[in-house]
């Protein structure tokens, strides 16, 4: 089969189109004919350094997938049949969907919404699972609360806004480009702070009478995470999807009796932490998508052969929503 292989760690020139063997299936696996995949920051990180040594080249990236089941392992056969259109998450620690076929654990898959294209479906899994874990499971955002979502126009952020609004929360979000600002407003964000034009921390405190917000969802990390500590209300909750920070949050969080949560959607498969819950979340998301209540914003669609360009765009920091990658004709 044809696949875009990361032949070694490095820049985008390490990505090579090659003929490789179809993946071997385990008992829990589905063999999926890939119609579409999507770009995520984790793809560029893995290409550069292998996710902290957990990946060794050569390997195939692409962890979002939408396609058609062509074979199934002994356990998977009871849940999906050949010909089913599915979408879901490929483990970050095995070969991915930048190929004509991919093997994926059936527990992290769901039936593709019938009214949604493969490109649209492939743009959902990683962003949706990350946002769902952050907004619903970690932060447990409730109706009437105010949540600050950083990078609302990004892949995870724009899904998080939709999930928070479905709970009846008030959403403050940060954005800067005209496209991102337009997108977050269209998704129902109540207040948009252009972080390039004003200090978001000062603005949030001004908007909340210096009380801060009940919940913060950080999709940026670094200095943004550090400044966010000043925005949290007493008893509040912060969730971040970015590993590592120069900030030491313990003192500020301690005196506010606030909590900090990390969100890494690779963990359930890595440690066998109830990965079936991811499939259930995707099934719920599929229902919302069918009802028109949830949609991935795909700003650009490229082909598998254009994957190096997609990596460069992802690293530019200018992408609004997601970049879709067409593998087979939908």
Protein backbone atom coordinates (compact mmCIF):
# COMPACT_ATOMS: atom_id res chain seq x y z
CA UNK A 1 0.00 0.00 0.00
CA UNK A 2 1.00 3.63 -0.40
CA UNK A 3 2.02 5.56 2.74
CA UNK A 4 3.75 8.80 3.67
CA UNK A 5 6.61 7.60 5.88
CA UNK A 6 8.65 9.66 8.35
CA UNK A 7 12.01 8.09 7.47
CA UNK A 8 13.86 9.80 10.33
CA UNK A 9 13.42 12.66 12.77
CA UNK A 10 13.67 16.12 11.29
CA UNK A 11 12.10 18.71 9.02
CA UNK A 12 9.34 18.02 6.52
CA UNK A 13 11.82 16.64 3.97
CA UNK A 14 11.97 13.40 6.00
CA UNK A 15 8.42 12.58 4.81
CA UNK A 16 8.63 10.18 1.86
CA UNK A 17 5.89 8.51 -0.19
CA UNK A 18 6.67 4.78 -0.11
CA UNK A 19 5.16 1.36 -0.74
CA UNK A 20 4.80 -0.51 2.56
CA UNK A 21 3.09 -3.66 3.81
CA UNK A 22 -0.49 -3.49 5.01
CA UNK A 23 -0.70 -3.49 8.81
CA UNK A 24 -1.15 -6.75 10.68
CA UNK A 25 -4.31 -6.96 12.79
CA UNK A 26 -4.62 -7.84 16.44
CA UNK A 27 -7.76 -9.24 18.00
CA UNK A 28 -9.09 -5.75 18.82
CA UNK A 29 -8.19 -4.19 15.47
CA UNK A 30 -10.08 -3.01 12.45
CA UNK A 31 -8.36 -2.68 9.07
CA UNK A 32 -9.66 0.62 7.76
CA UNK A 33 -9.44 1.79 4.17
CA UNK A 34 -8.49 5.40 4.76
CA UNK A 35 -10.59 7.99 2.97
CA UNK A 36 -9.40 10.96 5.02
CA UNK A 37 -7.20 11.97 7.90
CA UNK A 38 -6.32 15.35 9.44
CA UNK A 39 -3.40 17.29 10.81
CA UNK A 40 -2.70 17.81 14.51
CA UNK A 41 0.21 19.39 16.40
CA UNK A 42 1.13 15.90 17.66
CA UNK A 43 2.01 14.93 14.06
CA UNK A 44 4.66 17.61 13.83
CA UNK A 45 6.02 16.82 17.30
CA UNK A 46 6.32 13.12 16.47
CA UNK A 47 8.04 13.92 13.17
CA UNK A 48 10.60 16.10 14.94
CA UNK A 49 11.47 14.03 18.00
CA UNK A 50 9.24 10.99 18.30
CA UNK A 51 7.12 12.02 21.30
CA UNK A 52 9.84 11.91 23.90
CA UNK A 53 11.48 8.79 22.52
CA UNK A 54 8.27 6.76 22.36
CA UNK A 55 8.44 6.50 18.55
CA UNK A 56 11.40 5.32 16.47
CA UNK A 57 11.61 5.91 12.67
CA UNK A 58 10.54 4.83 10.20
CA UNK A 59 6.88 5.34 11.07
CA UNK A 60 3.63 6.56 9.56
CA UNK A 61 1.86 9.51 11.16
CA UNK A 62 -1.81 10.53 11.03
CA UNK A 63 -3.92 9.83 14.10
CA UNK A 64 -7.36 11.00 12.96
CA UNK A 65 -9.11 8.69 10.50
CA UNK A 66 -12.34 8.32 8.61
CA UNK A 67 -12.84 5.42 6.24
CA UNK A 68 -14.36 2.02 5.59
CA UNK A 69 -13.82 -1.24 7.48
CA UNK A 70 -12.23 -3.89 5.22
CA UNK A 71 -11.18 -6.52 7.79
CA UNK A 72 -11.58 -7.07 11.53
CA UNK A 73 -9.86 -8.93 14.34
CA UNK A 74 -11.68 -11.61 16.33
CA UNK A 75 -12.83 -9.24 19.09
CA UNK A 76 -13.57 -6.33 16.77
CA UNK A 77 -15.84 -8.38 14.46
CA UNK A 78 -18.66 -8.37 17.02
CA UNK A 79 -18.79 -4.56 16.96
CA UNK A 80 -18.17 -3.50 13.36
CA UNK A 81 -18.73 -5.27 10.07
CA UNK A 82 -16.91 -5.07 6.76
CA UNK A 83 -18.26 -2.10 4.82
CA UNK A 84 -19.05 0.05 7.86
CA UNK A 85 -18.05 3.68 7.54
CA UNK A 86 -16.16 4.61 10.71
CA UNK A 87 -14.18 7.45 12.20
CA UNK A 88 -11.95 7.63 15.23
CA UNK A 89 -8.55 7.69 16.83
CA UNK A 90 -5.45 5.73 15.85
CA UNK A 91 -3.02 5.05 18.70
CA UNK A 92 -0.23 7.61 18.87
CA UNK A 93 2.20 4.73 19.30
CA UNK A 94 1.57 2.72 16.13
CA UNK A 95 1.51 3.50 12.42
CA UNK A 96 -1.17 5.97 11.50
CA UNK A 97 -3.57 7.01 8.77
CA UNK A 98 -1.21 8.80 6.38
CA UNK A 99 -1.63 5.69 4.26
CA UNK A 100 -4.17 3.81 2.19
CA UNK A 101 -4.93 1.44 5.09
CA UNK A 102 -4.54 1.67 8.85
CA UNK A 103 -5.11 -0.69 11.78
CA UNK A 104 -7.00 0.84 14.69
CA UNK A 105 -8.44 -0.46 17.95
CA UNK A 106 -12.21 -0.82 17.48
CA UNK A 107 -12.77 0.59 20.97
CA UNK A 108 -11.64 4.03 19.79
CA UNK A 109 -13.85 3.98 16.69
CA UNK A 110 -17.47 4.94 16.02
CA UNK A 111 -19.87 4.83 13.09
CA UNK A 112 -19.37 7.86 10.88
CA UNK A 113 -22.34 10.23 10.84
CA UNK A 114 -24.15 9.58 7.57
CA UNK A 115 -24.62 13.26 6.78
CA UNK A 116 -20.96 14.15 7.37
CA UNK A 117 -18.21 13.74 4.77
CA UNK A 118 -15.09 11.69 5.44
CA UNK A 119 -13.06 14.92 5.51
CA UNK A 120 -15.36 16.45 8.12
CA UNK A 121 -15.42 13.26 10.18
CA UNK A 122 -11.63 12.87 10.10
CA UNK A 123 -11.24 16.39 11.48
CA UNK A 124 -13.09 15.47 14.68
CA UNK A 125 -11.48 12.62 16.70
CA UNK A 126 -8.35 14.02 18.39
CA UNK A 127 -9.74 17.54 18.76
CA UNK A 128 -13.13 16.28 19.97
CA UNK A 129 -11.75 13.75 22.45
CA UNK A 130 -9.31 16.31 23.85
CA UNK A 131 -11.92 19.03 24.19
CA UNK A 132 -14.51 16.62 25.63
CA UNK A 133 -12.06 15.35 28.25
CA UNK A 134 -11.07 18.89 29.14
CA UNK A 135 -14.44 20.63 29.13
CA UNK A 136 -16.69 17.83 30.37
CA UNK A 137 -14.57 15.33 32.32
CA UNK A 138 -11.81 17.45 33.88
CA UNK A 139 -13.39 20.89 34.20
CA UNK A 140 -16.98 19.62 34.45
CA UNK A 141 -18.25 22.90 33.04
CA UNK A 142 -21.80 23.69 34.11
CA UNK A 143 -24.59 25.94 32.93
CA UNK A 144 -24.10 29.51 34.12
CA UNK A 145 -20.35 29.19 34.66
CA UNK A 146 -17.79 31.23 32.77
CA UNK A 147 -14.98 29.38 31.01
CA UNK A 148 -11.89 30.92 29.44
CA UNK A 149 -10.74 28.96 26.37
CA UNK A 150 -7.37 29.84 24.91
CA UNK A 151 -6.80 29.67 21.14
CA UNK A 152 -10.51 29.33 20.42
CA UNK A 153 -9.93 29.32 16.68
CA UNK A 154 -7.58 26.33 16.81
CA UNK A 155 -8.33 22.67 16.23
CA UNK A 156 -9.14 21.82 19.85
CA UNK A 157 -10.30 25.27 20.89
CA UNK A 158 -13.09 25.63 18.34
CA UNK A 159 -14.55 22.28 19.40
CA UNK A 160 -14.23 23.25 23.08
CA UNK A 161 -16.27 26.39 22.48
CA UNK A 162 -19.10 24.34 20.99
CA UNK A 163 -19.06 21.84 23.87
CA UNK A 164 -19.05 24.57 26.51
CA UNK A 165 -21.97 26.36 24.85
CA UNK A 166 -23.92 23.09 24.69
CA UNK A 167 -23.66 23.03 28.51
CA UNK A 168 -24.96 26.58 28.78
CA UNK A 169 -21.67 28.14 29.85
CA UNK A 170 -20.51 31.65 29.09
CA UNK A 171 -17.38 31.50 26.92
CA UNK A 172 -14.52 33.96 26.90
CA UNK A 173 -11.92 33.05 24.31
CA UNK A 174 -8.62 34.38 23.00
CA UNK A 175 -7.89 34.79 19.30
CA UNK A 176 -5.95 37.18 17.08
CA UNK A 177 -6.35 36.68 13.33
CA UNK A 178 -9.46 37.96 11.56
CA UNK A 179 -10.32 34.42 10.46
CA UNK A 180 -10.08 33.05 14.00
CA UNK A 181 -12.10 35.91 15.47
CA UNK A 182 -14.80 35.43 12.85
CA UNK A 183 -14.88 31.68 13.50
CA UNK A 184 -15.18 31.86 17.30
CA UNK A 185 -17.94 34.43 17.05
CA UNK A 186 -19.84 32.19 14.64
CA UNK A 187 -19.55 29.34 17.16
CA UNK A 188 -21.18 31.39 19.91
CA UNK A 189 -18.24 32.71 21.93
CA UNK A 190 -19.64 35.43 24.18
CA UNK A 191 -16.48 37.52 24.48
CA UNK A 192 -13.42 37.45 22.22
CA UNK A 193 -10.13 38.90 23.48
CA UNK A 194 -7.56 39.75 20.83
CA UNK A 195 -4.50 38.68 22.81
CA UNK A 196 -2.17 40.58 20.46
CA UNK A 197 -3.90 43.84 21.23
CA UNK A 198 -4.62 43.56 24.95
CA UNK A 199 -3.53 41.69 28.05
CA UNK A 200 -5.99 38.82 28.34
CA UNK A 201 -5.42 38.38 32.09
CA UNK A 202 -6.23 42.01 32.85
CA UNK A 203 -9.26 41.86 30.58
CA UNK A 204 -10.63 38.70 32.20
CA UNK A 205 -10.28 40.20 35.67
CA UNK A 206 -11.94 43.40 34.47
CA UNK A 207 -14.84 41.40 33.01
CA UNK A 208 -15.29 39.40 36.22
CA UNK A 209 -14.94 42.20 38.79
CA UNK A 210 -11.53 40.76 39.75
CA UNK A 211 -13.08 37.44 40.73
CA UNK A 212 -11.70 35.42 37.81
CA UNK A 213 -13.44 32.61 35.93
CA UNK A 214 -14.59 29.25 37.24
CA UNK A 215 -12.82 27.25 34.54
CA UNK A 216 -9.90 27.69 32.14
CA UNK A 217 -9.07 25.44 29.19
CA UNK A 218 -5.50 26.08 28.04
CA UNK A 219 -4.57 25.02 24.51
CA UNK A 220 -1.36 27.08 24.33
CA UNK A 221 0.89 26.51 27.36
CA UNK A 222 4.04 28.44 28.26
CA UNK A 223 3.53 32.10 29.22
CA UNK A 224 -0.19 31.86 28.42
CA UNK A 225 -0.60 29.09 30.99
CA UNK A 226 1.43 31.07 33.54
CA UNK A 227 -0.70 34.20 33.12
CA UNK A 228 -3.86 32.12 33.29
CA UNK A 229 -3.12 31.35 36.93
CA UNK A 230 -4.06 34.95 37.70
CA UNK A 231 -7.45 34.52 36.00
CA UNK A 232 -8.80 31.58 37.97
CA UNK A 233 -11.48 32.15 40.57
CA UNK A 234 -11.22 30.69 44.08
CA UNK A 235 -12.26 27.05 43.86
CA UNK A 236 -11.79 27.09 40.09
CA UNK A 237 -10.40 24.48 37.73
CA UNK A 238 -7.71 24.68 35.04
CA UNK A 239 -7.09 22.06 32.36
CA UNK A 240 -4.18 22.18 29.94
CA UNK A 241 -3.40 20.09 26.88
CA UNK A 242 0.24 21.23 26.72
CA UNK A 243 2.95 19.34 28.57
CA UNK A 244 5.58 21.28 30.49
CA UNK A 245 5.68 24.91 31.59
CA UNK A 246 8.20 27.22 33.20
CA UNK A 247 5.50 28.31 35.61
CA UNK A 248 5.19 26.74 39.05
CA UNK A 249 1.44 26.83 39.60
CA UNK A 250 1.33 25.28 43.06
CA UNK A 251 1.40 28.42 45.21
CA UNK A 252 -1.20 30.38 43.27
CA UNK A 253 -3.48 27.37 42.98
CA UNK A 254 -3.04 26.43 46.65
CA UNK A 255 -4.17 29.77 48.02
CA UNK A 256 -7.20 29.76 45.72
CA UNK A 257 -8.06 26.14 46.48
CA UNK A 258 -8.02 25.64 42.71
CA UNK A 259 -7.22 22.47 40.79
CA UNK A 260 -5.05 21.69 37.76
CA UNK A 261 -5.70 18.87 35.28
CA UNK A 262 -3.65 17.57 32.35
CA UNK A 263 -5.36 16.24 29.22
CA UNK A 264 -3.56 13.67 27.05
CA UNK A 265 -5.84 11.55 24.89
CA UNK A 266 -3.03 9.13 24.04
CA UNK A 267 -3.06 7.75 27.58
CA UNK A 268 -6.11 5.43 27.41
CA UNK A 269 -4.58 3.24 24.70
CA UNK A 270 -1.04 3.62 26.03
CA UNK A 271 -2.01 2.33 29.48
CA UNK A 272 -5.26 0.51 28.62
CA UNK A 273 -7.27 3.02 30.64
CA UNK A 274 -10.77 2.19 29.42
CA UNK A 275 -10.17 3.07 25.75
CA UNK A 276 -13.75 2.00 25.04
CA UNK A 277 -14.85 5.30 26.59
CA UNK A 278 -13.29 7.11 23.63
CA UNK A 279 -15.47 5.17 21.22
CA UNK A 280 -18.53 6.04 23.31
CA UNK A 281 -17.64 9.73 23.27
CA UNK A 282 -17.21 9.64 19.50
CA UNK A 283 -20.61 7.95 19.17
CA UNK A 284 -22.16 10.76 21.21
CA UNK A 285 -20.33 13.31 19.07
CA UNK A 286 -21.67 11.60 15.93
CA UNK A 287 -25.22 12.16 17.20
CA UNK A 288 -24.48 15.82 17.85
CA UNK A 289 -22.99 16.17 14.38
CA UNK A 290 -26.08 14.58 12.82
CA UNK A 291 -28.24 17.07 14.73
CA UNK A 292 -26.15 19.99 13.48
CA UNK A 293 -24.99 20.83 17.01
CA UNK A 294 -21.31 20.05 16.48
CA UNK A 295 -19.06 20.60 13.48
CA UNK A 296 -15.35 20.57 12.79
CA UNK A 297 -14.17 23.61 10.88
CA UNK A 298 -11.91 22.45 8.04
CA UNK A 299 -10.10 25.49 6.69
CA UNK A 300 -8.03 23.66 4.06
CA UNK A 301 -8.01 20.27 2.34
CA UNK A 302 -4.78 18.84 0.93
CA UNK A 303 -3.86 15.45 -0.48
CA UNK A 304 -1.62 12.77 0.97
CA UNK A 305 1.06 13.79 -1.52
CA UNK A 306 0.90 17.33 -0.08
CA UNK A 307 1.48 16.19 3.50
CA UNK A 308 4.80 18.04 3.88
CA UNK A 309 2.99 21.27 3.02
CA UNK A 310 0.32 20.43 5.58
CA UNK A 311 3.02 19.98 8.26
CA UNK A 312 4.48 23.38 7.42
CA UNK A 313 1.08 25.02 7.64
CA UNK A 314 0.39 23.34 10.99
CA UNK A 315 3.70 24.60 12.36
CA UNK A 316 3.07 28.14 11.12
CA UNK A 317 0.53 28.75 13.86
CA UNK A 318 -1.86 30.36 11.39
CA UNK A 319 -4.28 27.46 10.87
CA UNK A 320 -7.92 28.09 11.72
CA UNK A 321 -9.72 24.91 12.79
CA UNK A 322 -8.26 21.83 11.10
CA UNK A 323 -6.40 20.86 7.92
CA UNK A 324 -8.04 17.88 6.25
CA UNK A 325 -6.02 15.35 4.27
CA UNK A 326 -7.79 13.49 1.45
CA UNK A 327 -6.42 9.97 0.94
CA UNK A 328 -9.09 8.31 -1.21
CA UNK A 329 -11.92 9.98 -3.09
CA UNK A 330 -14.94 10.37 -0.80
